[in-house]
């Protein structure tokens, strides 16, 4: 199975789950792991720039990775998935 197919299936399942158990608009918590790279963190922050998101970061114990948590109110499940897709274009980012 190709990575794109797995990714598409993940987003379809996520959409179904978000539609089923959440009333929108709603707060949503994104979590990402990124290599400790200020540019990559800035790129993620820029994606959420105009959303009024609360963004927190924490470095790993060895300082090689940074966790990025983003709490933001999203209007629809589709917009949640759209942000995941935008962040996935940044190389080395792992979505949790």
PDB file of N, CA and C in Angstrom:
ATOM      1  N   UNK A   1       0.854  -1.179   0.000  1.00  0.00           N
ATOM      2  CA  UNK A   1       0.000   0.000   0.000  1.00  0.00           C
ATOM      3  C   UNK A   1       0.895   1.235   0.000  1.00  0.00           C
ATOM      4  N   UNK A   2       0.572   2.179  -0.841  1.00  0.00           N
ATOM      5  CA  UNK A   2       1.402   3.376  -0.931  1.00  0.00           C
ATOM      6  C   UNK A   2       1.185   4.271   0.273  1.00  0.00           C
ATOM      7  N   UNK A   3       2.168   5.100   0.559  1.00  0.00           N
ATOM      8  CA  UNK A   3       2.084   6.035   1.673  1.00  0.00           C
ATOM      9  C   UNK A   3       0.922   6.992   1.461  1.00  0.00           C
ATOM     10  N   UNK A   4       0.728   7.458   0.219  1.00  0.00           N
ATOM     11  CA  UNK A   4      -0.371   8.382  -0.052  1.00  0.00           C
ATOM     12  C   UNK A   4      -1.719   7.737   0.248  1.00  0.00           C
ATOM     13  N   UNK A   5      -1.866   6.477  -0.113  1.00  0.00           N
ATOM     14  CA  UNK A   5      -3.131   5.780   0.145  1.00  0.00           C
ATOM     15  C   UNK A   5      -3.362   5.649   1.643  1.00  0.00           C
ATOM     16  N   UNK A   6      -2.321   5.287   2.393  1.00  0.00           N
ATOM     17  CA  UNK A   6      -2.436   5.200   3.845  1.00  0.00           C
ATOM     18  C   UNK A   6      -2.788   6.568   4.428  1.00  0.00           C
ATOM     19  N   UNK A   7      -2.143   7.591   3.927  1.00  0.00           N
ATOM     20  CA  UNK A   7      -2.386   8.944   4.412  1.00  0.00           C
ATOM     21  C   UNK A   7      -3.826   9.357   4.128  1.00  0.00           C
ATOM     22  N   UNK A   8      -4.304   9.085   2.920  1.00  0.00           N
ATOM     23  CA  UNK A   8      -5.681   9.422   2.569  1.00  0.00           C
ATOM     24  C   UNK A   8      -6.662   8.690   3.478  1.00  0.00           C
ATOM     25  N   UNK A   9      -6.404   7.422   3.740  1.00  0.00           N
ATOM     26  CA  UNK A   9      -7.285   6.645   4.616  1.00  0.00           C
ATOM     27  C   UNK A   9      -7.279   7.218   6.028  1.00  0.00           C
ATOM     28  N   UNK A  10      -6.114   7.650   6.495  1.00  0.00           N
ATOM     29  CA  UNK A  10      -6.016   8.276   7.818  1.00  0.00           C
ATOM     30  C   UNK A  10      -6.903   9.516   7.881  1.00  0.00           C
ATOM     31  N   UNK A  11      -6.820  10.364   6.869  1.00  0.00           N
ATOM     32  CA  UNK A  11      -7.614  11.600   6.871  1.00  0.00           C
ATOM     33  C   UNK A  11      -9.111  11.314   6.777  1.00  0.00           C
ATOM     34  N   UNK A  12      -9.498  10.310   6.012  1.00  0.00           N
ATOM     35  CA  UNK A  12     -10.914   9.941   5.910  1.00  0.00           C
ATOM     36  C   UNK A  12     -11.422   9.466   7.275  1.00  0.00           C
ATOM     37  N   UNK A  13     -10.645   8.615   7.941  1.00  0.00           N
ATOM     38  CA  UNK A  13     -11.041   8.132   9.277  1.00  0.00           C
ATOM     39  C   UNK A  13     -11.113   9.279  10.270  1.00  0.00           C
ATOM     40  N   UNK A  14     -10.128  10.179  10.216  1.00  0.00           N
ATOM     41  CA  UNK A  14     -10.120  11.320  11.128  1.00  0.00           C
ATOM     42  C   UNK A  14     -11.354  12.190  10.906  1.00  0.00           C
ATOM     43  N   UNK A  15     -11.679  12.465   9.654  1.00  0.00           N
ATOM     44  CA  UNK A  15     -12.870  13.264   9.344  1.00  0.00           C
ATOM     45  C   UNK A  15     -14.130  12.614   9.909  1.00  0.00           C
ATOM     46  N   UNK A  16     -14.269  11.302   9.698  1.00  0.00           N
ATOM     47  CA  UNK A  16     -15.446  10.590  10.204  1.00  0.00           C
ATOM     48  C   UNK A  16     -15.528  10.698  11.723  1.00  0.00           C
ATOM     49  N   UNK A  17     -14.388  10.519  12.382  1.00  0.00           N
ATOM     50  CA  UNK A  17     -14.359  10.589  13.839  1.00  0.00           C
ATOM     51  C   UNK A  17     -14.726  11.994  14.323  1.00  0.00           C
ATOM     52  N   UNK A  18     -14.136  13.013  13.721  1.00  0.00           N
ATOM     53  CA  UNK A  18     -14.402  14.384  14.141  1.00  0.00           C
ATOM     54  C   UNK A  18     -15.858  14.785  13.886  1.00  0.00           C
ATOM     55  N   UNK A  19     -16.416  14.311  12.791  1.00  0.00           N
ATOM     56  CA  UNK A  19     -17.817  14.618  12.483  1.00  0.00           C
ATOM     57  C   UNK A  19     -18.747  13.931  13.480  1.00  0.00           C
ATOM     58  N   UNK A  20     -18.349  12.743  13.921  1.00  0.00           N
ATOM     59  CA  UNK A  20     -19.220  11.946  14.769  1.00  0.00           C
ATOM     60  C   UNK A  20     -19.252  12.342  16.227  1.00  0.00           C
ATOM     61  N   UNK A  21     -18.149  12.847  16.750  1.00  0.00           N
ATOM     62  CA  UNK A  21     -18.114  13.050  18.200  1.00  0.00           C
ATOM     63  C   UNK A  21     -17.862  14.491  18.638  1.00  0.00           C
ATOM     64  N   UNK A  22     -17.970  15.445  17.717  1.00  0.00           N
ATOM     65  CA  UNK A  22     -17.674  16.822  18.072  1.00  0.00           C
ATOM     66  C   UNK A  22     -18.695  17.765  17.456  1.00  0.00           C
ATOM     67  N   UNK A  23     -19.090  18.778  18.227  1.00  0.00           N
ATOM     68  CA  UNK A  23     -19.948  19.840  17.711  1.00  0.00           C
ATOM     69  C   UNK A  23     -19.046  20.998  17.313  1.00  0.00           C
ATOM     70  N   UNK A  24     -19.176  21.469  16.098  1.00  0.00           N
ATOM     71  CA  UNK A  24     -18.284  22.491  15.554  1.00  0.00           C
ATOM     72  C   UNK A  24     -18.952  23.851  15.524  1.00  0.00           C
ATOM     73  N   UNK A  25     -18.176  24.953  15.690  1.00  0.00           N
ATOM     74  CA  UNK A  25     -16.729  25.023  15.939  1.00  0.00           C
ATOM     75  C   UNK A  25     -16.373  24.473  17.323  1.00  0.00           C
ATOM     76  N   UNK A  26     -15.118  24.020  17.439  1.00  0.00           N
ATOM     77  CA  UNK A  26     -14.651  23.394  18.671  1.00  0.00           C
ATOM     78  C   UNK A  26     -13.149  23.597  18.836  1.00  0.00           C
ATOM     79  N   UNK A  27     -12.681  23.573  20.098  1.00  0.00           N
ATOM     80  CA  UNK A  27     -11.229  23.615  20.314  1.00  0.00           C
ATOM     81  C   UNK A  27     -10.610  22.301  19.845  1.00  0.00           C
ATOM     82  N   UNK A  28      -9.409  22.385  19.307  1.00  0.00           N
ATOM     83  CA  UNK A  28      -8.709  21.195  18.830  1.00  0.00           C
ATOM     84  C   UNK A  28      -7.242  21.324  19.213  1.00  0.00           C
ATOM     85  N   UNK A  29      -6.646  20.206  19.629  1.00  0.00           N
ATOM     86  CA  UNK A  29      -5.242  20.200  20.017  1.00  0.00           C
ATOM     87  C   UNK A  29      -4.432  19.408  18.993  1.00  0.00           C
ATOM     88  N   UNK A  30      -3.549  20.104  18.311  1.00  0.00           N
ATOM     89  CA  UNK A  30      -2.605  19.469  17.383  1.00  0.00           C
ATOM     90  C   UNK A  30      -1.319  19.208  18.150  1.00  0.00           C
ATOM     91  N   UNK A  31      -0.670  18.080  17.850  1.00  0.00           N
ATOM     92  CA  UNK A  31       0.644  17.790  18.431  1.00  0.00           C
ATOM     93  C   UNK A  31       1.557  17.295  17.322  1.00  0.00           C
ATOM     94  N   UNK A  32       2.730  17.884  17.280  1.00  0.00           N
ATOM     95  CA  UNK A  32       3.719  17.518  16.275  1.00  0.00           C
ATOM     96  C   UNK A  32       5.073  17.326  16.937  1.00  0.00           C
ATOM     97  N   UNK A  33       5.881  16.456  16.360  1.00  0.00           N
ATOM     98  CA  UNK A  33       7.278  16.300  16.748  1.00  0.00           C
ATOM     99  C   UNK A  33       8.104  16.737  15.547  1.00  0.00           C
ATOM    100  N   UNK A  34       9.063  17.622  15.792  1.00  0.00           N
ATOM    101  CA  UNK A  34       9.913  18.123  14.711  1.00  0.00           C
ATOM    102  C   UNK A  34      11.373  18.026  15.110  1.00  0.00           C
ATOM    103  N   UNK A  35      12.256  17.812  14.143  1.00  0.00           N
ATOM    104  CA  UNK A  35      13.673  17.928  14.462  1.00  0.00           C
ATOM    105  C   UNK A  35      13.912  19.326  15.039  1.00  0.00           C
ATOM    106  N   UNK A  36      14.831  19.430  15.974  1.00  0.00           N
ATOM    107  CA  UNK A  36      15.097  20.727  16.609  1.00  0.00           C
ATOM    108  C   UNK A  36      15.646  21.686  15.553  1.00  0.00           C
ATOM    109  N   UNK A  37      14.745  22.357  14.882  1.00  0.00           N
ATOM    110  CA  UNK A  37      15.083  23.244  13.773  1.00  0.00           C
ATOM    111  C   UNK A  37      14.145  24.444  13.854  1.00  0.00           C
ATOM    112  N   UNK A  38      14.695  25.593  14.215  1.00  0.00           N
ATOM    113  CA  UNK A  38      13.866  26.777  14.406  1.00  0.00           C
ATOM    114  C   UNK A  38      13.070  27.140  13.160  1.00  0.00           C
ATOM    115  N   UNK A  39      13.615  26.878  11.975  1.00  0.00           N
ATOM    116  CA  UNK A  39      12.896  27.219  10.745  1.00  0.00           C
ATOM    117  C   UNK A  39      11.649  26.348  10.580  1.00  0.00           C
ATOM    118  N   UNK A  40      11.780  25.057  10.871  1.00  0.00           N
ATOM    119  CA  UNK A  40      10.625  24.164  10.758  1.00  0.00           C
ATOM    120  C   UNK A  40       9.539  24.557  11.759  1.00  0.00           C
ATOM    121  N   UNK A  41       9.948  24.921  12.971  1.00  0.00           N
ATOM    122  CA  UNK A  41       8.984  25.363  13.986  1.00  0.00           C
ATOM    123  C   UNK A  41       8.306  26.649  13.516  1.00  0.00           C
ATOM    124  N   UNK A  42       9.072  27.560  12.972  1.00  0.00           N
ATOM    125  CA  UNK A  42       8.507  28.815  12.448  1.00  0.00           C
ATOM    126  C   UNK A  42       7.537  28.538  11.299  1.00  0.00           C
ATOM    127  N   UNK A  43       7.859  27.549  10.461  1.00  0.00           N
ATOM    128  CA  UNK A  43       6.974  27.189   9.346  1.00  0.00           C
ATOM    129  C   UNK A  43       5.633  26.671   9.869  1.00  0.00           C
ATOM    130  N   UNK A  44       5.676  25.847  10.919  1.00  0.00           N
ATOM    131  CA  UNK A  44       4.436  25.345  11.520  1.00  0.00           C
ATOM    132  C   UNK A  44       3.643  26.501  12.118  1.00  0.00           C
ATOM    133  N   UNK A  45       4.332  27.361  12.867  1.00  0.00           N
ATOM    134  CA  UNK A  45       3.653  28.505  13.477  1.00  0.00           C
ATOM    135  C   UNK A  45       2.993  29.378  12.418  1.00  0.00           C
ATOM    136  N   UNK A  46       3.641  29.537  11.275  1.00  0.00           N
ATOM    137  CA  UNK A  46       3.094  30.376  10.203  1.00  0.00           C
ATOM    138  C   UNK A  46       1.788  29.798   9.654  1.00  0.00           C
ATOM    139  N   UNK A  47       1.674  28.476   9.625  1.00  0.00           N
ATOM    140  CA  UNK A  47       0.454  27.838   9.136  1.00  0.00           C
ATOM    141  C   UNK A  47      -0.740  28.188  10.024  1.00  0.00           C
ATOM    142  N   UNK A  48      -0.475  28.379  11.313  1.00  0.00           N
ATOM    143  CA  UNK A  48      -1.542  28.688  12.265  1.00  0.00           C
ATOM    144  C   UNK A  48      -1.573  30.172  12.634  1.00  0.00           C
ATOM    145  N   UNK A  49      -0.821  30.982  11.897  1.00  0.00           N
ATOM    146  CA  UNK A  49      -0.621  32.390  12.215  1.00  0.00           C
ATOM    147  C   UNK A  49      -1.903  33.183  12.431  1.00  0.00           C
ATOM    148  N   UNK A  50      -2.875  33.004  11.567  1.00  0.00           N
ATOM    149  CA  UNK A  50      -4.078  33.843  11.615  1.00  0.00           C
ATOM    150  C   UNK A  50      -5.245  33.169  12.328  1.00  0.00           C
ATOM    151  N   UNK A  51      -4.970  32.141  13.121  1.00  0.00           N
ATOM    152  CA  UNK A  51      -6.044  31.396  13.762  1.00  0.00           C
ATOM    153  C   UNK A  51      -6.230  31.753  15.235  1.00  0.00           C
ATOM    154  N   UNK A  52      -5.329  32.541  15.801  1.00  0.00           N
ATOM    155  CA  UNK A  52      -5.395  32.847  17.223  1.00  0.00           C
ATOM    156  C   UNK A  52      -4.988  31.662  18.079  1.00  0.00           C
ATOM    157  N   UNK A  53      -4.179  30.783  17.544  1.00  0.00           N
ATOM    158  CA  UNK A  53      -3.772  29.560  18.227  1.00  0.00           C
ATOM    159  C   UNK A  53      -2.816  29.845  19.378  1.00  0.00           C
ATOM    160  N   UNK A  54      -2.919  29.015  20.416  1.00  0.00           N
ATOM    161  CA  UNK A  54      -1.957  29.021  21.513  1.00  0.00           C
ATOM    162  C   UNK A  54      -0.933  27.938  21.193  1.00  0.00           C
ATOM    163  N   UNK A  55       0.316  28.346  20.983  1.00  0.00           N
ATOM    164  CA  UNK A  55       1.359  27.417  20.556  1.00  0.00           C
ATOM    165  C   UNK A  55       2.406  27.293  21.647  1.00  0.00           C
ATOM    166  N   UNK A  56       2.689  26.051  22.037  1.00  0.00           N
ATOM    167  CA  UNK A  56       3.742  25.808  23.021  1.00  0.00           C
ATOM    168  C   UNK A  56       4.731  24.809  22.432  1.00  0.00           C
ATOM    169  N   UNK A  57       5.996  24.972  22.809  1.00  0.00           N
ATOM    170  CA  UNK A  57       7.032  24.055  22.343  1.00  0.00           C
ATOM    171  C   UNK A  57       7.820  23.543  23.542  1.00  0.00           C
ATOM    172  N   UNK A  58       8.349  22.340  23.388  1.00  0.00           N
ATOM    173  CA  UNK A  58       9.199  21.770  24.429  1.00  0.00           C
ATOM    174  C   UNK A  58      10.263  20.920  23.768  1.00  0.00           C
ATOM    175  N   UNK A  59      11.517  21.166  24.138  1.00  0.00           N
ATOM    176  CA  UNK A  59      12.627  20.410  23.569  1.00  0.00           C
ATOM    177  C   UNK A  59      12.740  19.044  24.244  1.00  0.00           C
ATOM    178  N   UNK A  60      13.199  18.059  23.469  1.00  0.00           N
ATOM    179  CA  UNK A  60      13.442  16.732  24.033  1.00  0.00           C
ATOM    180  C   UNK A  60      14.640  16.799  24.979  1.00  0.00           C
ATOM    181  N   UNK A  61      14.806  15.760  25.771  1.00  0.00           N
ATOM    182  CA  UNK A  61      15.874  15.771  26.774  1.00  0.00           C
ATOM    183  C   UNK A  61      17.256  15.935  26.149  1.00  0.00           C
ATOM    184  N   UNK A  62      17.473  15.379  24.968  1.00  0.00           N
ATOM    185  CA  UNK A  62      18.769  15.519  24.295  1.00  0.00           C
ATOM    186  C   UNK A  62      18.817  16.728  23.374  1.00  0.00           C
ATOM    187  N   UNK A  63      17.687  17.399  23.208  1.00  0.00           N
ATOM    188  CA  UNK A  63      17.651  18.596  22.379  1.00  0.00           C
ATOM    189  C   UNK A  63      17.637  18.330  20.885  1.00  0.00           C
ATOM    190  N   UNK A  64      17.372  17.084  20.487  1.00  0.00           N
ATOM    191  CA  UNK A  64      17.374  16.770  19.058  1.00  0.00           C
ATOM    192  C   UNK A  64      16.004  16.965  18.415  1.00  0.00           C
ATOM    193  N   UNK A  65      14.946  16.934  19.237  1.00  0.00           N
ATOM    194  CA  UNK A  65      13.587  17.117  18.738  1.00  0.00           C
ATOM    195  C   UNK A  65      12.859  18.154  19.573  1.00  0.00           C
ATOM    196  N   UNK A  66      11.822  18.715  18.991  1.00  0.00           N
ATOM    197  CA  UNK A  66      10.959  19.654  19.697  1.00  0.00           C
ATOM    198  C   UNK A  66       9.521  19.213  19.498  1.00  0.00           C
ATOM    199  N   UNK A  67       8.762  19.178  20.600  1.00  0.00           N
ATOM    200  CA  UNK A  67       7.334  18.915  20.459  1.00  0.00           C
ATOM    201  C   UNK A  67       6.632  20.261  20.346  1.00  0.00           C
ATOM    202  N   UNK A  68       5.683  20.312  19.439  1.00  0.00           N
ATOM    203  CA  UNK A  68       4.927  21.539  19.216  1.00  0.00           C
ATOM    204  C   UNK A  68       3.453  21.199  19.456  1.00  0.00           C
ATOM    205  N   UNK A  69       2.840  21.874  20.427  1.00  0.00           N
ATOM    206  CA  UNK A  69       1.413  21.699  20.719  1.00  0.00           C
ATOM    207  C   UNK A  69       0.695  22.972  20.325  1.00  0.00           C
ATOM    208  N   UNK A  70      -0.405  22.806  19.629  1.00  0.00           N
ATOM    209  CA  UNK A  70      -1.154  23.955  19.124  1.00  0.00           C
ATOM    210  C   UNK A  70      -2.618  23.767  19.501  1.00  0.00           C
ATOM    211  N   UNK A  71      -3.107  24.657  20.359  1.00  0.00           N
ATOM    212  CA  UNK A  71      -4.528  24.611  20.736  1.00  0.00           C
ATOM    213  C   UNK A  71      -5.228  25.755  20.036  1.00  0.00           C
ATOM    214  N   UNK A  72      -6.259  25.400  19.262  1.00  0.00           N
ATOM    215  CA  UNK A  72      -6.925  26.391  18.431  1.00  0.00           C
ATOM    216  C   UNK A  72      -8.383  25.979  18.234  1.00  0.00           C
ATOM    217  N   UNK A  73      -9.259  26.963  18.123  1.00  0.00           N
ATOM    218  CA  UNK A  73     -10.652  26.669  17.801  1.00  0.00           C
ATOM    219  C   UNK A  73     -10.784  26.569  16.284  1.00  0.00           C
ATOM    220  N   UNK A  74     -11.294  25.423  15.841  1.00  0.00           N
ATOM    221  CA  UNK A  74     -11.470  25.178  14.412  1.00  0.00           C
ATOM    222  C   UNK A  74     -12.959  25.185  14.090  1.00  0.00           C
ATOM    223  N   UNK A  75     -13.294  25.643  12.880  1.00  0.00           N
ATOM    224  CA  UNK A  75     -14.691  25.778  12.476  1.00  0.00           C
ATOM    225  C   UNK A  75     -15.337  24.468  12.040  1.00  0.00           C
ATOM    226  N   UNK A  76     -14.560  23.625  11.358  1.00  0.00           N
ATOM    227  CA  UNK A  76     -15.110  22.382  10.816  1.00  0.00           C
ATOM    228  C   UNK A  76     -14.054  21.274  10.860  1.00  0.00           C
ATOM    229  N   UNK A  77     -14.487  20.013  10.788  1.00  0.00           N
ATOM    230  CA  UNK A  77     -13.516  18.915  10.712  1.00  0.00           C
ATOM    231  C   UNK A  77     -12.640  19.025   9.467  1.00  0.00           C
ATOM    232  N   UNK A  78     -13.206  19.524   8.368  1.00  0.00           N
ATOM    233  CA  UNK A  78     -12.432  19.668   7.134  1.00  0.00           C
ATOM    234  C   UNK A  78     -11.267  20.638   7.329  1.00  0.00           C
ATOM    235  N   UNK A  79     -11.490  21.685   8.113  1.00  0.00           N
ATOM    236  CA  UNK A  79     -10.407  22.654   8.371  1.00  0.00           C
ATOM    237  C   UNK A  79      -9.322  22.042   9.251  1.00  0.00           C
ATOM    238  N   UNK A  80      -9.711  21.146  10.165  1.00  0.00           N
ATOM    239  CA  UNK A  80      -8.721  20.430  10.984  1.00  0.00           C
ATOM    240  C   UNK A  80      -7.800  19.629  10.069  1.00  0.00           C
ATOM    241  N   UNK A  81      -8.390  18.868   9.161  1.00  0.00           N
ATOM    242  CA  UNK A  81      -7.613  18.028   8.246  1.00  0.00           C
ATOM    243  C   UNK A  81      -6.769  18.893   7.309  1.00  0.00           C
ATOM    244  N   UNK A  82      -7.321  20.005   6.862  1.00  0.00           N
ATOM    245  CA  UNK A  82      -6.581  20.912   5.980  1.00  0.00           C
ATOM    246  C   UNK A  82      -5.272  21.376   6.640  1.00  0.00           C
ATOM    247  N   UNK A  83      -5.327  21.703   7.926  1.00  0.00           N
ATOM    248  CA  UNK A  83      -4.115  22.137   8.641  1.00  0.00           C
ATOM    249  C   UNK A  83      -3.110  20.990   8.741  1.00  0.00           C
ATOM    250  N   UNK A  84      -3.603  19.772   9.028  1.00  0.00           N
ATOM    251  CA  UNK A  84      -2.695  18.615   9.063  1.00  0.00           C
ATOM    252  C   UNK A  84      -1.978  18.461   7.727  1.00  0.00           C
ATOM    253  N   UNK A  85      -2.719  18.597   6.637  1.00  0.00           N
ATOM    254  CA  UNK A  85      -2.122  18.445   5.310  1.00  0.00           C
ATOM    255  C   UNK A  85      -1.090  19.533   5.045  1.00  0.00           C
ATOM    256  N   UNK A  86      -1.370  20.759   5.473  1.00  0.00           N
ATOM    257  CA  UNK A  86      -0.405  21.845   5.280  1.00  0.00           C
ATOM    258  C   UNK A  86       0.883  21.568   6.058  1.00  0.00           C
ATOM    259  N   UNK A  87       0.742  21.126   7.305  1.00  0.00           N
ATOM    260  CA  UNK A  87       1.924  20.834   8.122  1.00  0.00           C
ATOM    261  C   UNK A  87       2.687  19.640   7.561  1.00  0.00           C
ATOM    262  N   UNK A  88       1.982  18.670   6.985  1.00  0.00           N
ATOM    263  CA  UNK A  88       2.654  17.472   6.471  1.00  0.00           C
ATOM    264  C   UNK A  88       3.590  17.788   5.305  1.00  0.00           C
ATOM    265  N   UNK A  89       3.450  18.963   4.715  1.00  0.00           N
ATOM    266  CA  UNK A  89       4.352  19.345   3.625  1.00  0.00           C
ATOM    267  C   UNK A  89       5.725  19.778   4.140  1.00  0.00           C
ATOM    268  N   UNK A  90       5.850  19.962   5.451  1.00  0.00           N
ATOM    269  CA  UNK A  90       7.140  20.335   6.052  1.00  0.00           C
ATOM    270  C   UNK A  90       7.919  19.052   6.333  1.00  0.00           C
ATOM    271  N   UNK A  91       9.084  18.951   5.740  1.00  0.00           N
ATOM    272  CA  UNK A  91       9.876  17.731   5.846  1.00  0.00           C
ATOM    273  C   UNK A  91      10.284  17.430   7.290  1.00  0.00           C
ATOM    274  N   UNK A  92      10.128  16.170   7.691  1.00  0.00           N
ATOM    275  CA  UNK A  92      10.586  15.729   9.006  1.00  0.00           C
ATOM    276  C   UNK A  92       9.593  15.889  10.132  1.00  0.00           C
ATOM    277  N   UNK A  93       8.416  16.423   9.862  1.00  0.00           N
ATOM    278  CA  UNK A  93       7.413  16.630  10.907  1.00  0.00           C
ATOM    279  C   UNK A  93       6.588  15.365  11.080  1.00  0.00           C
ATOM    280  N   UNK A  94       6.402  14.967  12.336  1.00  0.00           N
ATOM    281  CA  UNK A  94       5.566  13.811  12.670  1.00  0.00           C
ATOM    282  C   UNK A  94       4.326  14.331  13.376  1.00  0.00           C
ATOM    283  N   UNK A  95       3.155  13.965  12.862  1.00  0.00           N
ATOM    284  CA  UNK A  95       1.895  14.339  13.499  1.00  0.00           C
ATOM    285  C   UNK A  95       1.515  13.281  14.504  1.00  0.00           C
ATOM    286  N   UNK A  96       1.087  13.718  15.664  1.00  0.00           N
ATOM    287  CA  UNK A  96       0.654  12.761  16.714  1.00  0.00           C
ATOM    288  C   UNK A  96      -0.851  12.816  16.868  1.00  0.00           C
TER     289      UNK A  96
END
